[in-house]
Amino acid sequence: MSQDTADIVGSKGAKFTITVATASIAPNGATLIVSGQPDQSLSVSATGQFVTVPSLPSGDSTVSLALVWPPGQTQDAAVGVGTVTTGTATAADPPPFIDSGRTPGFVALFGVGQ
């Protein structure tokens, strides 16, 4: 993966929320995966519509989302960036989607900087 193909690109250390439309994220259903490091559980909002990335790692990383889909849902889930507390974070254009019914869903991240 690279900065050009990531779903979300931001500055190393950025704190931001990832938003998901259509589906919801299960409580305790978000994990930050970084090669060579232990997986990190992420905080999911009470509504299940967003998850907080507390500090974006440098380079490639992935967020795994345990998604709950409403019965009969056929619309894919749009992924976006919500509140950016520190640094920068921007979703790809056009916005990335997670295919309807897929769980876990994955969001590719790229942190710029050392």
PDB file of N, CA and C in Angstrom:
ATOM      1  N   MET A   1       0.858  -1.170   0.000  1.00  0.00           N
ATOM      2  CA  MET A   1       0.000   0.000   0.000  1.00  0.00           C
ATOM      3  C   MET A   1       0.898   1.225   0.000  1.00  0.00           C
ATOM      4  N   SER A   2       0.350   2.328  -0.429  1.00  0.00           N
ATOM      5  CA  SER A   2       1.097   3.576  -0.448  1.00  0.00           C
ATOM      6  C   SER A   2       0.158   4.738  -0.138  1.00  0.00           C
ATOM      7  N   GLN A   3       0.756   5.888  -0.063  1.00  0.00           N
ATOM      8  CA  GLN A   3      -0.038   7.096   0.165  1.00  0.00           C
ATOM      9  C   GLN A   3      -1.078   7.264  -0.942  1.00  0.00           C
ATOM     10  N   ASP A   4      -0.738   6.866  -2.169  1.00  0.00           N
ATOM     11  CA  ASP A   4      -1.645   7.044  -3.310  1.00  0.00           C
ATOM     12  C   ASP A   4      -2.854   6.125  -3.270  1.00  0.00           C
ATOM     13  N   THR A   5      -2.749   4.987  -2.575  1.00  0.00           N
ATOM     14  CA  THR A   5      -3.853   4.018  -2.569  1.00  0.00           C
ATOM     15  C   THR A   5      -4.556   3.901  -1.221  1.00  0.00           C
ATOM     16  N   ALA A   6      -4.090   4.629  -0.214  1.00  0.00           N
ATOM     17  CA  ALA A   6      -4.707   4.567   1.115  1.00  0.00           C
ATOM     18  C   ALA A   6      -6.107   5.182   1.086  1.00  0.00           C
ATOM     19  N   ASP A   7      -6.976   4.680   1.964  1.00  0.00           N
ATOM     20  CA  ASP A   7      -8.320   5.242   2.119  1.00  0.00           C
ATOM     21  C   ASP A   7      -8.282   6.582   2.838  1.00  0.00           C
ATOM     22  N   ILE A   8      -7.359   6.682   3.806  1.00  0.00           N
ATOM     23  CA  ILE A   8      -7.188   7.919   4.579  1.00  0.00           C
ATOM     24  C   ILE A   8      -5.693   8.198   4.710  1.00  0.00           C
ATOM     25  N   VAL A   9      -5.304   9.443   4.437  1.00  0.00           N
ATOM     26  CA  VAL A   9      -3.914   9.882   4.569  1.00  0.00           C
ATOM     27  C   VAL A   9      -3.882  11.012   5.583  1.00  0.00           C
ATOM     28  N   GLY A  10      -2.893  10.955   6.467  1.00  0.00           N
ATOM     29  CA  GLY A  10      -2.765  12.013   7.463  1.00  0.00           C
ATOM     30  C   GLY A  10      -1.331  12.168   7.913  1.00  0.00           C
ATOM     31  N   SER A  11      -1.133  13.138   8.775  1.00  0.00           N
ATOM     32  CA  SER A  11       0.197  13.370   9.324  1.00  0.00           C
ATOM     33  C   SER A  11       0.451  12.396  10.472  1.00  0.00           C
ATOM     34  N   LYS A  12       1.694  11.929  10.564  1.00  0.00           N
ATOM     35  CA  LYS A  12       2.068  11.027  11.650  1.00  0.00           C
ATOM     36  C   LYS A  12       1.680  11.674  12.983  1.00  0.00           C
ATOM     37  N   GLY A  13       1.034  10.894  13.852  1.00  0.00           N
ATOM     38  CA  GLY A  13       0.619  11.388  15.158  1.00  0.00           C
ATOM     39  C   GLY A  13      -0.755  12.041  15.166  1.00  0.00           C
ATOM     40  N   ALA A  14      -1.392  12.160  14.004  1.00  0.00           N
ATOM     41  CA  ALA A  14      -2.715  12.801  13.937  1.00  0.00           C
ATOM     42  C   ALA A  14      -3.733  12.022  14.767  1.00  0.00           C
ATOM     43  N   LYS A  15      -4.603  12.758  15.455  1.00  0.00           N
ATOM     44  CA  LYS A  15      -5.732  12.173  16.176  1.00  0.00           C
ATOM     45  C   LYS A  15      -6.996  12.585  15.443  1.00  0.00           C
ATOM     46  N   PHE A  16      -7.803  11.589  15.034  1.00  0.00           N
ATOM     47  CA  PHE A  16      -8.992  11.884  14.243  1.00  0.00           C
ATOM     48  C   PHE A  16     -10.003  10.742  14.381  1.00  0.00           C
ATOM     49  N   THR A  17     -11.206  10.991  13.870  1.00  0.00           N
ATOM     50  CA  THR A  17     -12.220   9.944  13.863  1.00  0.00           C
ATOM     51  C   THR A  17     -12.457   9.462  12.438  1.00  0.00           C
ATOM     52  N   ILE A  18     -12.706   8.153  12.325  1.00  0.00           N
ATOM     53  CA  ILE A  18     -13.129   7.544  11.074  1.00  0.00           C
ATOM     54  C   ILE A  18     -14.632   7.347  11.185  1.00  0.00           C
ATOM     55  N   THR A  19     -15.372   7.827  10.193  1.00  0.00           N
ATOM     56  CA  THR A  19     -16.826   7.693  10.198  1.00  0.00           C
ATOM     57  C   THR A  19     -17.261   6.595   9.233  1.00  0.00           C
ATOM     58  N   VAL A  20     -18.373   5.959   9.583  1.00  0.00           N
ATOM     59  CA  VAL A  20     -18.942   4.907   8.739  1.00  0.00           C
ATOM     60  C   VAL A  20     -20.433   5.187   8.606  1.00  0.00           C
ATOM     61  N   ALA A  21     -20.911   5.261   7.355  1.00  0.00           N
ATOM     62  CA  ALA A  21     -22.336   5.459   7.103  1.00  0.00           C
ATOM     63  C   ALA A  21     -22.966   4.121   6.733  1.00  0.00           C
ATOM     64  N   THR A  22     -24.217   3.937   7.003  1.00  0.00           N
ATOM     65  CA  THR A  22     -25.044   2.776   6.663  1.00  0.00           C
ATOM     66  C   THR A  22     -24.925   1.659   7.693  1.00  0.00           C
ATOM     67  N   ALA A  23     -23.724   1.136   7.911  1.00  0.00           N
ATOM     68  CA  ALA A  23     -23.507   0.101   8.925  1.00  0.00           C
ATOM     69  C   ALA A  23     -23.116   0.775  10.231  1.00  0.00           C
ATOM     70  N   SER A  24     -23.039  -0.011  11.300  1.00  0.00           N
ATOM     71  CA  SER A  24     -22.505   0.514  12.557  1.00  0.00           C
ATOM     72  C   SER A  24     -21.363  -0.377  13.009  1.00  0.00           C
ATOM     73  N   ILE A  25     -20.496   0.188  13.821  1.00  0.00           N
ATOM     74  CA  ILE A  25     -19.335  -0.531  14.343  1.00  0.00           C
ATOM     75  C   ILE A  25     -19.722  -1.134  15.682  1.00  0.00           C
ATOM     76  N   ALA A  26     -19.473  -2.426  15.843  1.00  0.00           N
ATOM     77  CA  ALA A  26     -19.805  -3.110  17.097  1.00  0.00           C
ATOM     78  C   ALA A  26     -18.980  -2.525  18.244  1.00  0.00           C
ATOM     79  N   PRO A  27     -19.545  -2.491  19.469  1.00  0.00           N
ATOM     80  CA  PRO A  27     -18.748  -2.065  20.621  1.00  0.00           C
ATOM     81  C   PRO A  27     -17.489  -2.927  20.695  1.00  0.00           C
ATOM     82  N   ASN A  28     -16.371  -2.312  20.984  1.00  0.00           N
ATOM     83  CA  ASN A  28     -15.076  -3.002  21.030  1.00  0.00           C
ATOM     84  C   ASN A  28     -14.749  -3.670  19.701  1.00  0.00           C
ATOM     85  N   GLY A  29     -15.274  -3.129  18.594  1.00  0.00           N
ATOM     86  CA  GLY A  29     -15.122  -3.758  17.292  1.00  0.00           C
ATOM     87  C   GLY A  29     -14.167  -3.060  16.346  1.00  0.00           C
ATOM     88  N   ALA A  30     -13.223  -2.283  16.879  1.00  0.00           N
ATOM     89  CA  ALA A  30     -12.270  -1.589  16.012  1.00  0.00           C
ATOM     90  C   ALA A  30     -10.854  -1.831  16.513  1.00  0.00           C
ATOM     91  N   THR A  31      -9.972  -2.179  15.569  1.00  0.00           N
ATOM     92  CA  THR A  31      -8.586  -2.495  15.912  1.00  0.00           C
ATOM     93  C   THR A  31      -7.648  -1.832  14.914  1.00  0.00           C
ATOM     94  N   LEU A  32      -6.604  -1.174  15.439  1.00  0.00           N
ATOM     95  CA  LEU A  32      -5.547  -0.612  14.606  1.00  0.00           C
ATOM     96  C   LEU A  32      -4.463  -1.670  14.451  1.00  0.00           C
ATOM     97  N   ILE A  33      -4.124  -1.977  13.200  1.00  0.00           N
ATOM     98  CA  ILE A  33      -3.131  -3.012  12.904  1.00  0.00           C
ATOM     99  C   ILE A  33      -1.933  -2.351  12.230  1.00  0.00           C
ATOM    100  N   VAL A  34      -0.760  -2.507  12.858  1.00  0.00           N
ATOM    101  CA  VAL A  34       0.489  -1.964  12.333  1.00  0.00           C
ATOM    102  C   VAL A  34       1.500  -3.102  12.304  1.00  0.00           C
ATOM    103  N   SER A  35       2.100  -3.334  11.155  1.00  0.00           N
ATOM    104  CA  SER A  35       3.073  -4.414  11.012  1.00  0.00           C
ATOM    105  C   SER A  35       4.203  -4.283  12.040  1.00  0.00           C
ATOM    106  N   GLY A  36       4.499  -5.393  12.709  1.00  0.00           N
ATOM    107  CA  GLY A  36       5.592  -5.412  13.675  1.00  0.00           C
ATOM    108  C   GLY A  36       5.241  -4.862  15.042  1.00  0.00           C
ATOM    109  N   GLN A  37       3.971  -4.483  15.259  1.00  0.00           N
ATOM    110  CA  GLN A  37       3.541  -3.951  16.547  1.00  0.00           C
ATOM    111  C   GLN A  37       2.301  -4.698  17.010  1.00  0.00           C
ATOM    112  N   PRO A  38       2.056  -4.723  18.332  1.00  0.00           N
ATOM    113  CA  PRO A  38       0.824  -5.355  18.818  1.00  0.00           C
ATOM    114  C   PRO A  38      -0.404  -4.601  18.310  1.00  0.00           C
ATOM    115  N   ASP A  39      -1.478  -5.338  18.032  1.00  0.00           N
ATOM    116  CA  ASP A  39      -2.735  -4.706  17.633  1.00  0.00           C
ATOM    117  C   ASP A  39      -3.238  -3.817  18.767  1.00  0.00           C
ATOM    118  N   GLN A  40      -3.886  -2.710  18.404  1.00  0.00           N
ATOM    119  CA  GLN A  40      -4.379  -1.745  19.387  1.00  0.00           C
ATOM    120  C   GLN A  40      -5.885  -1.592  19.252  1.00  0.00           C
ATOM    121  N   SER A  41      -6.623  -1.859  20.342  1.00  0.00           N
ATOM    122  CA  SER A  41      -8.074  -1.633  20.340  1.00  0.00           C
ATOM    123  C   SER A  41      -8.342  -0.138  20.278  1.00  0.00           C
ATOM    124  N   LEU A  42      -9.346   0.237  19.489  1.00  0.00           N
ATOM    125  CA  LEU A  42      -9.707   1.641  19.342  1.00  0.00           C
ATOM    126  C   LEU A  42     -11.075   1.904  19.968  1.00  0.00           C
ATOM    127  N   SER A  43     -11.278   3.140  20.379  1.00  0.00           N
ATOM    128  CA  SER A  43     -12.528   3.551  21.014  1.00  0.00           C
ATOM    129  C   SER A  43     -13.613   3.775  19.960  1.00  0.00           C
ATOM    130  N   VAL A  44     -14.759   3.085  20.155  1.00  0.00           N
ATOM    131  CA  VAL A  44     -15.908   3.213  19.266  1.00  0.00           C
ATOM    132  C   VAL A  44     -16.951   4.105  19.947  1.00  0.00           C
ATOM    133  N   SER A  45     -17.563   4.998  19.193  1.00  0.00           N
ATOM    134  CA  SER A  45     -18.583   5.884  19.758  1.00  0.00           C
ATOM    135  C   SER A  45     -19.793   5.083  20.238  1.00  0.00           C
ATOM    136  N   ALA A  46     -20.562   5.673  21.131  1.00  0.00           N
ATOM    137  CA  ALA A  46     -21.766   5.020  21.663  1.00  0.00           C
ATOM    138  C   ALA A  46     -22.771   4.714  20.552  1.00  0.00           C
ATOM    139  N   THR A  47     -22.781   5.524  19.496  1.00  0.00           N
ATOM    140  CA  THR A  47     -23.708   5.307  18.377  1.00  0.00           C
ATOM    141  C   THR A  47     -23.196   4.266  17.390  1.00  0.00           C
ATOM    142  N   GLY A  48     -21.900   3.939  17.487  1.00  0.00           N
ATOM    143  CA  GLY A  48     -21.300   2.990  16.554  1.00  0.00           C
ATOM    144  C   GLY A  48     -21.045   3.573  15.174  1.00  0.00           C
ATOM    145  N   GLN A  49     -21.094   4.885  15.052  1.00  0.00           N
ATOM    146  CA  GLN A  49     -20.906   5.517  13.742  1.00  0.00           C
ATOM    147  C   GLN A  49     -19.494   6.030  13.499  1.00  0.00           C
ATOM    148  N   PHE A  50     -18.669   6.079  14.558  1.00  0.00           N
ATOM    149  CA  PHE A  50     -17.292   6.497  14.337  1.00  0.00           C
ATOM    150  C   PHE A  50     -16.361   5.862  15.358  1.00  0.00           C
ATOM    151  N   VAL A  51     -15.081   5.845  14.996  1.00  0.00           N
ATOM    152  CA  VAL A  51     -14.025   5.274  15.824  1.00  0.00           C
ATOM    153  C   VAL A  51     -12.875   6.279  15.865  1.00  0.00           C
ATOM    154  N   THR A  52     -12.205   6.372  17.015  1.00  0.00           N
ATOM    155  CA  THR A  52     -11.119   7.332  17.180  1.00  0.00           C
ATOM    156  C   THR A  52      -9.761   6.672  16.973  1.00  0.00           C
ATOM    157  N   VAL A  53      -8.963   7.277  16.096  1.00  0.00           N
ATOM    158  CA  VAL A  53      -7.555   6.895  15.940  1.00  0.00           C
ATOM    159  C   VAL A  53      -6.773   7.892  16.791  1.00  0.00           C
ATOM    160  N   PRO A  54      -6.163   7.427  17.908  1.00  0.00           N
ATOM    161  CA  PRO A  54      -5.533   8.372  18.834  1.00  0.00           C
ATOM    162  C   PRO A  54      -4.209   8.940  18.341  1.00  0.00           C
ATOM    163  N   SER A  55      -3.489   8.198  17.496  1.00  0.00           N
ATOM    164  CA  SER A  55      -2.203   8.668  16.991  1.00  0.00           C
ATOM    165  C   SER A  55      -1.853   7.860  15.740  1.00  0.00           C
ATOM    166  N   LEU A  56      -1.949   8.498  14.574  1.00  0.00           N
ATOM    167  CA  LEU A  56      -1.691   7.810  13.311  1.00  0.00           C
ATOM    168  C   LEU A  56      -0.217   7.432  13.209  1.00  0.00           C
ATOM    169  N   PRO A  57       0.071   6.144  13.007  1.00  0.00           N
ATOM    170  CA  PRO A  57       1.468   5.735  12.855  1.00  0.00           C
ATOM    171  C   PRO A  57       2.040   6.212  11.513  1.00  0.00           C
ATOM    172  N   SER A  58       3.339   6.261  11.425  1.00  0.00           N
ATOM    173  CA  SER A  58       4.011   6.587  10.181  1.00  0.00           C
ATOM    174  C   SER A  58       3.889   5.421   9.206  1.00  0.00           C
ATOM    175  N   GLY A  59       3.669   5.719   7.944  1.00  0.00           N
ATOM    176  CA  GLY A  59       3.595   4.675   6.923  1.00  0.00           C
ATOM    177  C   GLY A  59       2.252   3.972   6.910  1.00  0.00           C
ATOM    178  N   ASP A  60       2.290   2.690   6.493  1.00  0.00           N
ATOM    179  CA  ASP A  60       1.071   1.896   6.317  1.00  0.00           C
ATOM    180  C   ASP A  60       0.511   1.365   7.629  1.00  0.00           C
ATOM    181  N   SER A  61      -0.800   1.403   7.748  1.00  0.00           N
ATOM    182  CA  SER A  61      -1.514   0.746   8.851  1.00  0.00           C
ATOM    183  C   SER A  61      -2.940   0.488   8.377  1.00  0.00           C
ATOM    184  N   THR A  62      -3.668  -0.303   9.141  1.00  0.00           N
ATOM    185  CA  THR A  62      -5.027  -0.682   8.769  1.00  0.00           C
ATOM    186  C   THR A  62      -5.909  -0.652  10.000  1.00  0.00           C
ATOM    187  N   VAL A  63      -7.150  -0.217   9.831  1.00  0.00           N
ATOM    188  CA  VAL A  63      -8.151  -0.336  10.887  1.00  0.00           C
ATOM    189  C   VAL A  63      -9.136  -1.419  10.459  1.00  0.00           C
ATOM    190  N   SER A  64      -9.307  -2.397  11.326  1.00  0.00           N
ATOM    191  CA  SER A  64     -10.280  -3.467  11.115  1.00  0.00           C
ATOM    192  C   SER A  64     -11.539  -3.096  11.884  1.00  0.00           C
ATOM    193  N   LEU A  65     -12.692  -3.175  11.199  1.00  0.00           N
ATOM    194  CA  LEU A  65     -13.969  -2.790  11.802  1.00  0.00           C
ATOM    195  C   LEU A  65     -14.943  -3.963  11.781  1.00  0.00           C
ATOM    196  N   ALA A  66     -15.410  -4.366  12.960  1.00  0.00           N
ATOM    197  CA  ALA A  66     -16.480  -5.367  13.051  1.00  0.00           C
ATOM    198  C   ALA A  66     -17.781  -4.613  12.817  1.00  0.00           C
ATOM    199  N   LEU A  67     -18.349  -4.774  11.623  1.00  0.00           N
ATOM    200  CA  LEU A  67     -19.532  -4.000  11.236  1.00  0.00           C
ATOM    201  C   LEU A  67     -20.811  -4.794  11.455  1.00  0.00           C
ATOM    202  N   VAL A  68     -21.846  -4.081  11.871  1.00  0.00           N
ATOM    203  CA  VAL A  68     -23.181  -4.649  12.034  1.00  0.00           C
ATOM    204  C   VAL A  68     -24.051  -4.004  10.963  1.00  0.00           C
ATOM    205  N   TRP A  69     -24.630  -4.848  10.106  1.00  0.00           N
ATOM    206  CA  TRP A  69     -25.432  -4.364   8.990  1.00  0.00           C
ATOM    207  C   TRP A  69     -26.913  -4.550   9.295  1.00  0.00           C
ATOM    208  N   PRO A  70     -27.736  -3.535   9.036  1.00  0.00           N
ATOM    209  CA  PRO A  70     -29.183  -3.692   9.225  1.00  0.00           C
ATOM    210  C   PRO A  70     -29.715  -4.787   8.295  1.00  0.00           C
ATOM    211  N   PRO A  71     -30.737  -5.508   8.728  1.00  0.00           N
ATOM    212  CA  PRO A  71     -31.319  -6.541   7.866  1.00  0.00           C
ATOM    213  C   PRO A  71     -31.734  -5.970   6.510  1.00  0.00           C
ATOM    214  N   GLY A  72     -31.381  -6.668   5.451  1.00  0.00           N
ATOM    215  CA  GLY A  72     -31.765  -6.258   4.110  1.00  0.00           C
ATOM    216  C   GLY A  72     -30.966  -5.113   3.523  1.00  0.00           C
ATOM    217  N   GLN A  73     -29.961  -4.638   4.236  1.00  0.00           N
ATOM    218  CA  GLN A  73     -29.170  -3.499   3.756  1.00  0.00           C
ATOM    219  C   GLN A  73     -28.366  -3.899   2.525  1.00  0.00           C
ATOM    220  N   THR A  74     -28.507  -3.139   1.461  1.00  0.00           N
ATOM    221  CA  THR A  74     -27.757  -3.416   0.232  1.00  0.00           C
ATOM    222  C   THR A  74     -26.824  -2.276  -0.143  1.00  0.00           C
ATOM    223  N   GLN A  75     -26.926  -1.155   0.566  1.00  0.00           N
ATOM    224  CA  GLN A  75     -26.075  -0.001   0.274  1.00  0.00           C
ATOM    225  C   GLN A  75     -24.719  -0.189   0.949  1.00  0.00           C
ATOM    226  N   ASP A  76     -23.642   0.074   0.211  1.00  0.00           N
ATOM    227  CA  ASP A  76     -22.300   0.002   0.775  1.00  0.00           C
ATOM    228  C   ASP A  76     -22.108   1.106   1.817  1.00  0.00           C
ATOM    229  N   ALA A  77     -21.139   0.898   2.713  1.00  0.00           N
ATOM    230  CA  ALA A  77     -20.871   1.870   3.772  1.00  0.00           C
ATOM    231  C   ALA A  77     -19.768   2.829   3.345  1.00  0.00           C
ATOM    232  N   ALA A  78     -20.096   4.099   3.289  1.00  0.00           N
ATOM    233  CA  ALA A  78     -19.091   5.123   2.977  1.00  0.00           C
ATOM    234  C   ALA A  78     -18.204   5.345   4.195  1.00  0.00           C
ATOM    235  N   VAL A  79     -16.917   5.494   3.941  1.00  0.00           N
ATOM    236  CA  VAL A  79     -15.934   5.745   4.995  1.00  0.00           C
ATOM    237  C   VAL A  79     -15.431   7.167   4.836  1.00  0.00           C
ATOM    238  N   GLY A  80     -15.339   7.891   5.951  1.00  0.00           N
ATOM    239  CA  GLY A  80     -14.860   9.269   5.889  1.00  0.00           C
ATOM    240  C   GLY A  80     -14.055   9.642   7.109  1.00  0.00           C
ATOM    241  N   VAL A  81     -13.613  10.874   7.126  1.00  0.00           N
ATOM    242  CA  VAL A  81     -12.904  11.438   8.271  1.00  0.00           C
ATOM    243  C   VAL A  81     -13.854  12.405   8.943  1.00  0.00           C
ATOM    244  N   GLY A  82     -14.021  12.229  10.253  1.00  0.00           N
ATOM    245  CA  GLY A  82     -14.868  13.137  11.031  1.00  0.00           C
ATOM    246  C   GLY A  82     -14.024  14.249  11.625  1.00  0.00           C
ATOM    247  N   THR A  83     -13.997  14.316  12.944  1.00  0.00           N
ATOM    248  CA  THR A  83     -13.263  15.355  13.663  1.00  0.00           C
ATOM    249  C   THR A  83     -11.770  15.062  13.659  1.00  0.00           C
ATOM    250  N   VAL A  84     -10.976  16.064  13.304  1.00  0.00           N
ATOM    251  CA  VAL A  84      -9.514  15.974  13.377  1.00  0.00           C
ATOM    252  C   VAL A  84      -9.091  16.852  14.544  1.00  0.00           C
ATOM    253  N   THR A  85      -8.558  16.217  15.609  1.00  0.00           N
ATOM    254  CA  THR A  85      -8.187  16.945  16.820  1.00  0.00           C
ATOM    255  C   THR A  85      -6.769  17.488  16.741  1.00  0.00           C
ATOM    256  N   THR A  86      -5.834  16.670  16.221  1.00  0.00           N
ATOM    257  CA  THR A  86      -4.453  17.117  16.041  1.00  0.00           C
ATOM    258  C   THR A  86      -3.953  16.640  14.695  1.00  0.00           C
ATOM    259  N   GLY A  87      -3.057  17.415  14.089  1.00  0.00           N
ATOM    260  CA  GLY A  87      -2.493  17.043  12.803  1.00  0.00           C
ATOM    261  C   GLY A  87      -3.509  17.185  11.682  1.00  0.00           C
ATOM    262  N   THR A  88      -3.304  16.379  10.628  1.00  0.00           N
ATOM    263  CA  THR A  88      -4.197  16.397   9.476  1.00  0.00           C
ATOM    264  C   THR A  88      -4.608  14.980   9.122  1.00  0.00           C
ATOM    265  N   ALA A  89      -5.788  14.832   8.554  1.00  0.00           N
ATOM    266  CA  ALA A  89      -6.280  13.551   8.042  1.00  0.00           C
ATOM    267  C   ALA A  89      -7.343  13.845   6.995  1.00  0.00           C
ATOM    268  N   THR A  90      -7.234  13.154   5.849  1.00  0.00           N
ATOM    269  CA  THR A  90      -8.145  13.378   4.735  1.00  0.00           C
ATOM    270  C   THR A  90      -8.500  12.039   4.103  1.00  0.00           C
ATOM    271  N   ALA A  91      -9.778  11.846   3.821  1.00  0.00           N
ATOM    272  CA  ALA A  91     -10.220  10.642   3.116  1.00  0.00           C
ATOM    273  C   ALA A  91      -9.943  10.802   1.626  1.00  0.00           C
ATOM    274  N   ALA A  92      -9.766   9.672   0.969  1.00  0.00           N
ATOM    275  CA  ALA A  92      -9.535   9.674  -0.475  1.00  0.00           C
ATOM    276  C   ALA A  92     -10.727  10.292  -1.203  1.00  0.00           C
ATOM    277  N   ASP A  93     -10.471  10.756  -2.412  1.00  0.00           N
ATOM    278  CA  ASP A  93     -11.528  11.306  -3.261  1.00  0.00           C
ATOM    279  C   ASP A  93     -11.471  10.570  -4.584  1.00  0.00           C
ATOM    280  N   PRO A  94     -12.494   9.804  -4.967  1.00  0.00           N
ATOM    281  CA  PRO A  94     -13.779   9.665  -4.294  1.00  0.00           C
ATOM    282  C   PRO A  94     -13.648   8.888  -2.987  1.00  0.00           C
ATOM    283  N   PRO A  95     -14.631   9.049  -2.087  1.00  0.00           N
ATOM    284  CA  PRO A  95     -14.547   8.403  -0.779  1.00  0.00           C
ATOM    285  C   PRO A  95     -14.543   6.878  -0.897  1.00  0.00           C
ATOM    286  N   PRO A  96     -13.808   6.233   0.007  1.00  0.00           N
ATOM    287  CA  PRO A  96     -13.797   4.771   0.013  1.00  0.00           C
ATOM    288  C   PRO A  96     -15.106   4.198   0.543  1.00  0.00           C
ATOM    289  N   PHE A  97     -15.412   2.960   0.143  1.00  0.00           N
ATOM    290  CA  PHE A  97     -16.603   2.254   0.599  1.00  0.00           C
ATOM    291  C   PHE A  97     -16.219   0.870   1.086  1.00  0.00           C
ATOM    292  N   ILE A  98     -17.004   0.345   2.027  1.00  0.00           N
ATOM    293  CA  ILE A  98     -16.911  -1.052   2.445  1.00  0.00           C
ATOM    294  C   ILE A  98     -18.143  -1.741   1.886  1.00  0.00           C
ATOM    295  N   ASP A  99     -17.940  -2.836   1.167  1.00  0.00           N
ATOM    296  CA  ASP A  99     -19.042  -3.542   0.512  1.00  0.00           C
ATOM    297  C   ASP A  99     -20.112  -3.961   1.515  1.00  0.00           C
ATOM    298  N   SER A 100     -21.356  -3.795   1.127  1.00  0.00           N
ATOM    299  CA  SER A 100     -22.494  -4.159   1.962  1.00  0.00           C
ATOM    300  C   SER A 100     -22.378  -5.605   2.442  1.00  0.00           C
ATOM    301  N   GLY A 101     -22.604  -5.816   3.727  1.00  0.00           N
ATOM    302  CA  GLY A 101     -22.574  -7.146   4.316  1.00  0.00           C
ATOM    303  C   GLY A 101     -21.209  -7.630   4.734  1.00  0.00           C
ATOM    304  N   ARG A 102     -20.142  -6.938   4.344  1.00  0.00           N
ATOM    305  CA  ARG A 102     -18.790  -7.389   4.662  1.00  0.00           C
ATOM    306  C   ARG A 102     -18.432  -7.056   6.107  1.00  0.00           C
ATOM    307  N   THR A 103     -17.931  -8.041   6.820  1.00  0.00           N
ATOM    308  CA  THR A 103     -17.394  -7.821   8.156  1.00  0.00           C
ATOM    309  C   THR A 103     -16.344  -8.876   8.436  1.00  0.00           C
ATOM    310  N   PRO A 104     -15.166  -8.542   8.869  1.00  0.00           N
ATOM    311  CA  PRO A 104     -14.794  -7.152   9.147  1.00  0.00           C
ATOM    312  C   PRO A 104     -14.590  -6.366   7.858  1.00  0.00           C
ATOM    313  N   GLY A 105     -14.694  -5.061   8.032  1.00  0.00           N
ATOM    314  CA  GLY A 105     -14.341  -4.143   6.959  1.00  0.00           C
ATOM    315  C   GLY A 105     -12.983  -3.551   7.296  1.00  0.00           C
ATOM    316  N   PHE A 106     -12.243  -3.180   6.286  1.00  0.00           N
ATOM    317  CA  PHE A 106     -10.894  -2.657   6.512  1.00  0.00           C
ATOM    318  C   PHE A 106     -10.746  -1.273   5.911  1.00  0.00           C
ATOM    319  N   VAL A 107     -10.043  -0.400   6.649  1.00  0.00           N
ATOM    320  CA  VAL A 107      -9.741   0.951   6.194  1.00  0.00           C
ATOM    321  C   VAL A 107      -8.224   1.086   6.171  1.00  0.00           C
ATOM    322  N   ALA A 108      -7.669   1.352   4.989  1.00  0.00           N
ATOM    323  CA  ALA A 108      -6.223   1.502   4.822  1.00  0.00           C
ATOM    324  C   ALA A 108      -5.805   2.921   5.167  1.00  0.00           C
ATOM    325  N   LEU A 109      -4.813   3.030   6.043  1.00  0.00           N
ATOM    326  CA  LEU A 109      -4.321   4.335   6.485  1.00  0.00           C
ATOM    327  C   LEU A 109      -2.867   4.527   6.033  1.00  0.00           C
ATOM    328  N   PHE A 110      -2.468   5.785   5.878  1.00  0.00           N
ATOM    329  CA  PHE A 110      -1.067   6.094   5.599  1.00  0.00           C
ATOM    330  C   PHE A 110      -0.708   7.351   6.363  1.00  0.00           C
ATOM    331  N   GLY A 111       0.328   7.244   7.225  1.00  0.00           N
ATOM    332  CA  GLY A 111       0.816   8.370   7.982  1.00  0.00           C
ATOM    333  C   GLY A 111       2.054   8.959   7.331  1.00  0.00           C
ATOM    334  N   VAL A 112       2.021  10.264   7.060  1.00  0.00           N
ATOM    335  CA  VAL A 112       3.130  10.955   6.405  1.00  0.00           C
ATOM    336  C   VAL A 112       4.045  11.538   7.473  1.00  0.00           C
ATOM    337  N   GLY A 113       5.328  11.274   7.357  1.00  0.00           N
ATOM    338  CA  GLY A 113       6.310  11.808   8.286  1.00  0.00           C
ATOM    339  C   GLY A 113       6.983  10.713   9.085  1.00  0.00           C
ATOM    340  N   GLN A 114       8.076  11.069   9.688  1.00  0.00           N
ATOM    341  CA  GLN A 114       8.845  10.118  10.494  1.00  0.00           C
ATOM    342  C   GLN A 114       8.535  10.363  11.918  1.00  0.00           C
TER     343      GLN A 114
END
